Amino acid sequence: MPKALARREAQQRADRLRIFRQELAELERQQVIALSDDQRARLEPFLDETLKDLAAQYDIDTTESQKQLSLGMRVVSALGGLALCAAVFLFFYRFWGSIPTAGQVSILIATSLIGLAAMYFVSERERTLYFTGLIGLVTFASFGLNLTVLGQIFNIVPTPNAFLAWGAFAIVLAYAFGLRLLLAAGLVCWLVFIPATIVSWTGVTWDSFFERPESIIVGGLLTVATSFLVREDFSGTFCLVGLLAILFPLLELWHYGSSSFLPLDPTTLERTYQVVAFIAAALIVWFGIRTDQRPVMNLGAAAFAIFLMMKFVDWWWDWMPKYMFFFIVGAIAIGLLTAFRKLREATA
């Protein structure tokens, strides 16, 4: 079993044990249940030893404060990785011109190889993978910089295939070390490769894919579909990245129907995609509830709220008094909260 997946399962068990202990204490306080001295003498050491063993073996969080601190460490790790990526790029940019071509090629190849070796060395000596993830971001950035600079050195015409290679490299690293941030980076690269390739088939330059948002939606749909085929701890990342790749292009098509592939009136297309956006957001909420994925459900609810606010602005902002506009929006929000509460009770 991959180290990251084993640690995730250990963390889930520790959370269940911690919640069980809290709930048991509350039930005893309410005099719903009462443990005998013998039962307590066996239960408490078992819980303590189990949590201690899990923490020692997997370096997991056994208290709420530890979980909050770990979240901060993940944020710091990501920011540190991005900072080091910028440092690598600026270092090369500053001194690159003074290095001969043979030296440039050697440095580019060695950088990624050293990064891979460092990732393996560090991952074997830490269980949380914070430093491994930080080094992984730098290694990924170095690999991307390598391909870009090598292409410039040998005057290779840029193609979207570079994003395919970058994405494959990041996803391989993500699977090898269980790093979801690298997985997301690799998926973003593939979400550039897919629409860029589709757009190039139409005869225009591949880097104009942003002007055809529907090509990005295709990549998002493929990514969401792939989430059902990958391992459990990565399926959520596939799903969220794919859904974001569907929702953001819908925002573009909401206002600019002329960017669509479809040869229809732009105004008609804008209204059509507005309806599609609402349906997509509602389906995401339903899917999140059905599959018990809270991040997916929250994403769909947030998208629905944003789309609804945009529509309210289109309808009422120019002619309605501003106090009346916000009053109506607040009243609708209360109505939606009531509806969502009823939905939650129905699915309980």
Protein backbone atom coordinates (compact mmCIF):
# COMPACT_ATOMS: atom_id res chain seq x y z
CA MET A 1 0.00 0.00 0.00
CA PRO A 2 1.40 3.49 -0.87
CA LYS A 3 2.72 5.39 2.14
CA ALA A 4 0.36 8.34 1.66
CA LEU A 5 -2.70 6.07 1.40
CA ALA A 6 -1.70 4.09 4.51
CA ARG A 7 -1.20 7.32 6.42
CA ARG A 8 -4.59 8.61 5.29
CA GLU A 9 -6.32 5.47 6.53
CA ALA A 10 -4.42 5.69 9.82
CA GLN A 11 -5.53 9.31 10.21
CA GLN A 12 -9.14 8.32 9.56
CA ARG A 13 -8.97 5.64 12.25
CA ALA A 14 -7.40 8.06 14.73
CA ASP A 15 -10.20 10.56 14.00
CA ARG A 16 -12.81 7.88 14.64
CA LEU A 17 -11.20 6.91 17.94
CA ARG A 18 -10.95 10.53 19.05
CA ILE A 19 -14.60 11.20 18.19
CA PHE A 20 -15.62 7.95 19.91
CA ARG A 21 -13.88 9.04 23.11
CA GLN A 22 -15.55 12.45 23.02
CA GLU A 23 -18.98 10.99 22.31
CA LEU A 24 -18.59 8.40 25.06
CA ALA A 25 -17.74 11.13 27.56
CA GLU A 26 -20.83 13.09 26.49
CA LEU A 27 -23.08 10.03 26.79
CA GLU A 28 -21.73 9.37 30.28
CA ARG A 29 -22.31 12.98 31.25
CA GLN A 30 -25.93 12.66 30.13
CA GLN A 31 -26.17 9.36 32.02
CA VAL A 32 -27.14 7.46 28.89
CA ILE A 33 -24.41 4.89 29.45
CA ALA A 34 -22.07 4.05 32.29
CA LEU A 35 -18.94 1.97 31.99
CA SER A 36 -17.86 -0.25 34.82
CA ASP A 37 -14.45 0.22 36.37
CA ASP A 38 -13.23 -2.94 34.67
CA GLN A 39 -14.47 -1.81 31.26
CA ARG A 40 -12.90 1.61 31.68
CA ALA A 41 -9.62 0.07 32.81
CA ARG A 42 -9.49 -1.90 29.56
CA LEU A 43 -10.87 0.77 27.21
CA GLU A 44 -8.76 3.79 28.13
CA PRO A 45 -5.36 2.05 27.81
CA PHE A 46 -6.49 0.52 24.51
CA LEU A 47 -7.42 3.94 23.08
CA ASP A 48 -4.23 5.54 24.36
CA GLU A 49 -1.98 2.78 23.05
CA THR A 50 -3.72 2.63 19.68
CA LEU A 51 -3.43 6.38 19.14
CA LYS A 52 0.17 6.31 20.35
CA ASP A 53 1.06 3.48 17.97
CA LEU A 54 -0.63 5.18 15.02
CA ALA A 55 1.15 8.45 15.78
CA ALA A 56 4.50 6.70 16.14
CA GLN A 57 4.12 4.68 12.95
CA TYR A 58 2.50 7.24 10.64
CA ASP A 59 3.11 10.61 12.37
CA ILE A 60 -0.61 11.44 12.26
CA ASP A 61 -2.61 14.05 14.19
CA THR A 62 -4.31 12.78 17.33
CA THR A 63 -5.78 16.10 18.52
CA GLU A 64 -7.71 18.91 16.87
CA SER A 65 -4.88 21.39 17.49
CA GLN A 66 -2.44 19.07 15.74
CA LYS A 67 -4.76 18.88 12.72
CA GLN A 68 -4.90 22.67 12.51
CA LEU A 69 -1.11 22.87 12.74
CA SER A 70 -0.73 20.23 10.01
CA LEU A 71 -2.99 22.28 7.74
CA GLY A 72 -0.71 25.25 8.27
CA MET A 73 2.31 23.09 7.50
CA ARG A 74 0.74 21.98 4.21
CA VAL A 75 0.13 25.60 3.25
CA VAL A 76 3.69 26.55 4.18
CA SER A 77 5.02 23.57 2.20
CA ALA A 78 3.09 24.63 -0.91
CA LEU A 79 4.14 28.28 -0.60
CA GLY A 80 7.75 27.25 0.04
CA GLY A 81 7.73 25.03 -3.02
CA LEU A 82 6.39 27.86 -5.17
CA ALA A 83 9.01 30.24 -3.78
CA LEU A 84 11.81 27.78 -4.56
CA CYS A 85 10.39 27.29 -8.06
CA ALA A 86 10.62 31.04 -8.59
CA ALA A 87 14.17 31.01 -7.19
CA VAL A 88 15.25 28.29 -9.62
CA PHE A 89 13.75 30.14 -12.57
CA LEU A 90 15.28 33.51 -11.63
CA PHE A 91 18.66 31.90 -10.94
CA PHE A 92 18.74 30.36 -14.40
CA TYR A 93 17.50 33.61 -15.94
CA ARG A 94 20.23 35.62 -14.19
CA PHE A 95 23.26 33.50 -15.09
CA TRP A 96 22.10 31.48 -18.11
CA GLY A 97 23.61 33.60 -20.82
CA SER A 98 27.13 33.24 -19.47
CA ILE A 99 27.06 29.41 -19.53
CA PRO A 100 28.12 27.54 -22.71
CA THR A 101 25.59 25.32 -24.48
CA ALA A 102 27.13 22.05 -23.28
CA GLY A 103 27.05 23.31 -19.73
CA GLN A 104 23.45 24.44 -20.10
CA VAL A 105 22.31 21.01 -21.30
CA SER A 106 24.24 19.27 -18.50
CA ILE A 107 22.75 21.54 -15.84
CA LEU A 108 19.24 21.07 -17.16
CA ILE A 109 19.50 17.28 -17.11
CA ALA A 110 21.24 17.17 -13.74
CA THR A 111 18.70 19.44 -12.05
CA SER A 112 15.78 17.08 -12.52
CA LEU A 113 17.84 14.00 -11.69
CA ILE A 114 19.09 15.58 -8.47
CA GLY A 115 15.52 16.54 -7.60
CA LEU A 116 14.32 12.97 -8.11
CA ALA A 117 17.12 11.60 -5.97
CA ALA A 118 16.38 14.15 -3.24
CA MET A 119 12.68 13.24 -3.26
CA TYR A 120 13.46 9.56 -2.81
CA PHE A 121 16.05 10.23 -0.09
CA VAL A 122 13.76 12.53 1.90
CA SER A 123 10.62 10.39 1.47
CA GLU A 124 12.42 7.41 3.01
CA ARG A 125 13.16 9.47 6.12
CA GLU A 126 9.89 11.32 6.72
CA ARG A 127 6.31 10.14 7.06
CA THR A 128 4.36 13.36 6.56
CA LEU A 129 5.89 14.04 3.10
CA TYR A 130 5.88 17.82 3.61
CA PHE A 131 9.51 18.21 2.53
CA THR A 132 9.05 15.60 -0.19
CA GLY A 133 6.18 17.62 -1.62
CA LEU A 134 8.22 20.82 -1.46
CA ILE A 135 11.13 19.18 -3.31
CA GLY A 136 8.64 17.64 -5.73
CA LEU A 137 7.31 21.05 -6.77
CA VAL A 138 10.85 22.26 -7.39
CA THR A 139 11.66 19.10 -9.38
CA PHE A 140 8.51 19.51 -11.46
CA ALA A 141 9.30 23.18 -12.14
CA SER A 142 12.87 22.24 -13.06
CA PHE A 143 11.64 19.61 -15.51
CA GLY A 144 9.29 22.11 -17.13
CA LEU A 145 12.06 24.68 -17.34
CA ASN A 146 14.37 22.04 -18.80
CA LEU A 147 12.07 21.25 -21.70
CA THR A 148 11.42 24.92 -22.37
CA VAL A 149 15.06 25.94 -22.36
CA LEU A 150 16.21 22.88 -24.33
CA GLY A 151 13.62 23.77 -26.94
CA GLN A 152 15.02 27.30 -27.14
CA ILE A 153 18.62 26.08 -27.31
CA PHE A 154 17.90 23.76 -30.23
CA ASN A 155 15.29 26.05 -31.82
CA ILE A 156 12.39 23.56 -31.50
CA VAL A 157 8.96 24.86 -32.44
CA PRO A 158 6.72 25.04 -29.31
CA THR A 159 3.85 22.54 -29.31
CA PRO A 160 1.21 21.49 -26.75
CA ASN A 161 3.04 18.16 -26.45
CA ALA A 162 5.28 19.79 -23.86
CA PHE A 163 2.28 20.05 -21.54
CA LEU A 164 1.61 16.36 -22.09
CA ALA A 165 5.16 15.58 -20.96
CA TRP A 166 4.98 17.95 -17.98
CA GLY A 167 1.66 16.51 -16.90
CA ALA A 168 2.88 12.93 -17.22
CA PHE A 169 6.00 13.74 -15.18
CA ALA A 170 3.98 15.39 -12.39
CA ILE A 171 1.41 12.59 -12.26
CA VAL A 172 4.11 9.90 -12.15
CA LEU A 173 5.72 11.71 -9.21
CA ALA A 174 2.32 12.12 -7.56
CA TYR A 175 1.60 8.40 -7.79
CA ALA A 176 5.09 7.42 -6.72
CA PHE A 177 5.05 9.54 -3.57
CA GLY A 178 1.32 10.12 -2.93
CA LEU A 179 1.39 13.91 -3.48
CA ARG A 180 -1.97 15.39 -4.42
CA LEU A 181 -0.62 18.89 -5.08
CA LEU A 182 1.66 17.50 -7.79
CA LEU A 183 -1.27 15.51 -9.12
CA ALA A 184 -3.29 18.70 -9.47
CA ALA A 185 -0.37 20.39 -11.25
CA GLY A 186 -0.12 17.48 -13.68
CA LEU A 187 -3.84 17.55 -14.37
CA VAL A 188 -3.71 21.27 -15.09
CA CYS A 189 -0.97 20.59 -17.64
CA TRP A 190 -3.13 17.97 -19.31
CA LEU A 191 -6.05 20.40 -19.24
CA VAL A 192 -3.89 22.68 -21.35
CA PHE A 193 -2.73 19.89 -23.68
CA ILE A 194 -6.22 18.57 -24.46
CA PRO A 195 -7.92 21.85 -25.49
CA ALA A 196 -4.76 23.10 -27.20
CA THR A 197 -4.70 19.94 -29.33
CA ILE A 198 -8.41 20.22 -30.12
CA VAL A 199 -8.05 23.86 -31.15
CA SER A 200 -5.03 23.06 -33.34
CA TRP A 201 -7.20 20.62 -35.31
CA THR A 202 -9.34 23.57 -36.42
CA GLY A 203 -6.37 25.21 -38.15
CA VAL A 204 -5.57 27.96 -35.64
CA THR A 205 -2.55 28.21 -33.36
CA TRP A 206 -2.69 25.89 -30.34
CA ASP A 207 -2.04 28.66 -27.80
CA SER A 208 -5.37 30.32 -28.66
CA PHE A 209 -7.36 27.61 -26.86
CA PHE A 210 -8.53 30.13 -24.23
CA GLU A 211 -10.55 31.73 -27.00
CA ARG A 212 -12.50 28.47 -27.39
CA PRO A 213 -13.70 27.61 -23.86
CA GLU A 214 -15.65 24.55 -25.01
CA SER A 215 -12.37 22.76 -25.70
CA ILE A 216 -11.46 23.18 -22.01
CA ILE A 217 -14.84 21.71 -21.02
CA VAL A 218 -13.96 18.58 -23.00
CA GLY A 219 -10.79 18.18 -20.93
CA GLY A 220 -12.76 18.73 -17.74
CA LEU A 221 -15.30 16.05 -18.65
CA LEU A 222 -12.51 13.57 -19.43
CA THR A 223 -10.84 14.35 -16.09
CA VAL A 224 -14.06 13.83 -14.14
CA ALA A 225 -14.67 10.55 -15.96
CA THR A 226 -11.15 9.43 -15.10
CA SER A 227 -11.83 10.05 -11.39
CA PHE A 228 -13.90 6.85 -11.34
CA LEU A 229 -10.95 4.79 -12.56
CA VAL A 230 -8.11 5.98 -10.32
CA ARG A 231 -7.20 4.99 -6.79
CA GLU A 232 -9.39 6.23 -3.97
CA ASP A 233 -7.12 8.86 -2.42
CA PHE A 234 -6.65 10.60 -5.80
CA SER A 235 -10.20 10.40 -7.15
CA GLY A 236 -11.29 13.53 -5.29
CA THR A 237 -8.47 15.58 -6.82
CA PHE A 238 -9.31 14.34 -10.32
CA CYS A 239 -12.96 15.20 -9.75
CA LEU A 240 -12.42 18.70 -8.33
CA VAL A 241 -9.89 19.73 -10.98
CA GLY A 242 -12.15 18.42 -13.73
CA LEU A 243 -15.21 20.20 -12.35
CA LEU A 244 -13.33 23.49 -12.11
CA ALA A 245 -12.27 23.01 -15.74
CA ILE A 246 -15.97 22.74 -16.63
CA LEU A 247 -17.26 25.65 -14.54
CA PHE A 248 -14.75 28.35 -15.49
CA PRO A 249 -15.31 28.05 -19.25
CA LEU A 250 -19.04 28.30 -18.61
CA LEU A 251 -18.39 31.71 -17.04
CA GLU A 252 -16.62 32.79 -20.23
CA LEU A 253 -19.41 31.49 -22.46
CA TRP A 254 -21.97 33.14 -20.17
CA HIS A 255 -20.79 36.57 -21.40
CA TYR A 256 -19.12 35.83 -24.74
CA GLY A 257 -21.17 33.50 -26.88
CA SER A 258 -19.08 34.50 -29.89
CA SER A 259 -16.21 32.36 -28.54
CA SER A 260 -18.23 29.18 -29.01
CA PHE A 261 -17.52 26.63 -31.73
CA LEU A 262 -21.24 26.53 -32.53
CA PRO A 263 -22.31 28.62 -35.54
CA LEU A 264 -25.27 30.24 -33.79
CA ASP A 265 -26.28 33.72 -32.73
CA PRO A 266 -23.99 34.84 -29.85
CA THR A 267 -26.89 36.09 -27.74
CA THR A 268 -28.71 32.79 -28.11
CA LEU A 269 -25.56 30.92 -27.16
CA GLU A 270 -25.02 33.09 -24.09
CA ARG A 271 -28.55 32.40 -22.84
CA THR A 272 -28.17 28.71 -23.61
CA TYR A 273 -24.92 28.44 -21.67
CA GLN A 274 -26.42 30.34 -18.76
CA VAL A 275 -29.02 27.61 -18.48
CA VAL A 276 -26.30 24.97 -18.89
CA ALA A 277 -24.28 26.62 -16.10
CA PHE A 278 -27.18 26.39 -13.64
CA ILE A 279 -27.86 22.78 -14.60
CA ALA A 280 -24.17 21.91 -14.24
CA ALA A 281 -23.97 23.49 -10.78
CA ALA A 282 -27.12 21.70 -9.64
CA LEU A 283 -25.81 18.37 -10.96
CA ILE A 284 -22.52 18.91 -9.12
CA VAL A 285 -24.42 19.48 -5.86
CA TRP A 286 -26.46 16.34 -6.48
CA PHE A 287 -23.36 14.35 -7.35
CA GLY A 288 -21.57 15.54 -4.23
CA ILE A 289 -24.51 14.49 -2.05
CA ARG A 290 -24.93 11.18 -3.82
CA THR A 291 -21.26 10.23 -3.51
CA ASP A 292 -20.82 11.79 -0.06
CA GLN A 293 -18.08 14.16 -1.26
CA ARG A 294 -18.41 17.38 0.70
CA PRO A 295 -15.83 19.38 -1.34
CA VAL A 296 -17.71 18.56 -4.54
CA MET A 297 -21.03 19.54 -3.00
CA ASN A 298 -19.56 22.81 -1.69
CA LEU A 299 -18.09 23.59 -5.10
CA GLY A 300 -21.44 23.05 -6.79
CA ALA A 301 -23.28 25.17 -4.21
CA ALA A 302 -20.73 27.98 -4.54
CA ALA A 303 -20.96 27.87 -8.34
CA PHE A 304 -24.76 27.93 -8.22
CA ALA A 305 -24.70 30.94 -5.89
CA ILE A 306 -22.23 32.80 -8.13
CA PHE A 307 -24.27 32.07 -11.25
CA LEU A 308 -27.45 33.16 -9.49
CA MET A 309 -25.87 36.42 -8.33
CA MET A 310 -24.61 37.13 -11.84
CA LYS A 311 -28.09 36.59 -13.22
CA PHE A 312 -29.62 38.88 -10.61
CA VAL A 313 -27.14 41.57 -11.61
CA ASP A 314 -28.05 41.13 -15.28
CA TRP A 315 -31.76 41.41 -14.50
CA TRP A 316 -32.03 44.10 -11.85
CA TRP A 317 -28.83 46.04 -11.16
CA ASP A 318 -29.25 48.80 -13.77
CA TRP A 319 -32.84 49.79 -12.99
CA MET A 320 -33.58 48.70 -9.42
CA PRO A 321 -32.65 50.78 -6.35
CA LYS A 322 -29.56 49.27 -4.81
CA TYR A 323 -31.13 48.78 -1.37
CA MET A 324 -34.00 46.89 -3.00
CA PHE A 325 -31.56 44.75 -4.99
CA PHE A 326 -29.67 43.60 -1.91
CA PHE A 327 -32.89 43.14 0.05
CA ILE A 328 -34.24 40.79 -2.64
CA VAL A 329 -30.94 38.91 -2.84
CA GLY A 330 -30.96 38.45 0.95
CA ALA A 331 -34.56 37.21 0.88
CA ILE A 332 -33.73 34.72 -1.88
CA ALA A 333 -30.70 33.56 0.12
CA ILE A 334 -32.94 32.86 3.10
CA GLY A 335 -35.27 30.91 0.84
CA LEU A 336 -32.39 28.88 -0.56
CA LEU A 337 -31.09 28.14 2.95
CA THR A 338 -34.53 26.86 3.88
CA ALA A 339 -34.65 24.68 0.77
CA PHE A 340 -31.16 23.29 1.40
CA ARG A 341 -32.12 22.55 5.00
CA LYS A 342 -35.13 20.57 3.84
CA LEU A 343 -32.90 18.75 1.34
CA ARG A 344 -30.41 17.89 4.06
CA GLU A 345 -33.16 16.56 6.31
CA ALA A 346 -34.51 14.48 3.44
CA THR A 347 -31.11 12.90 2.79
CA ALA A 348 -30.36 12.23 6.46
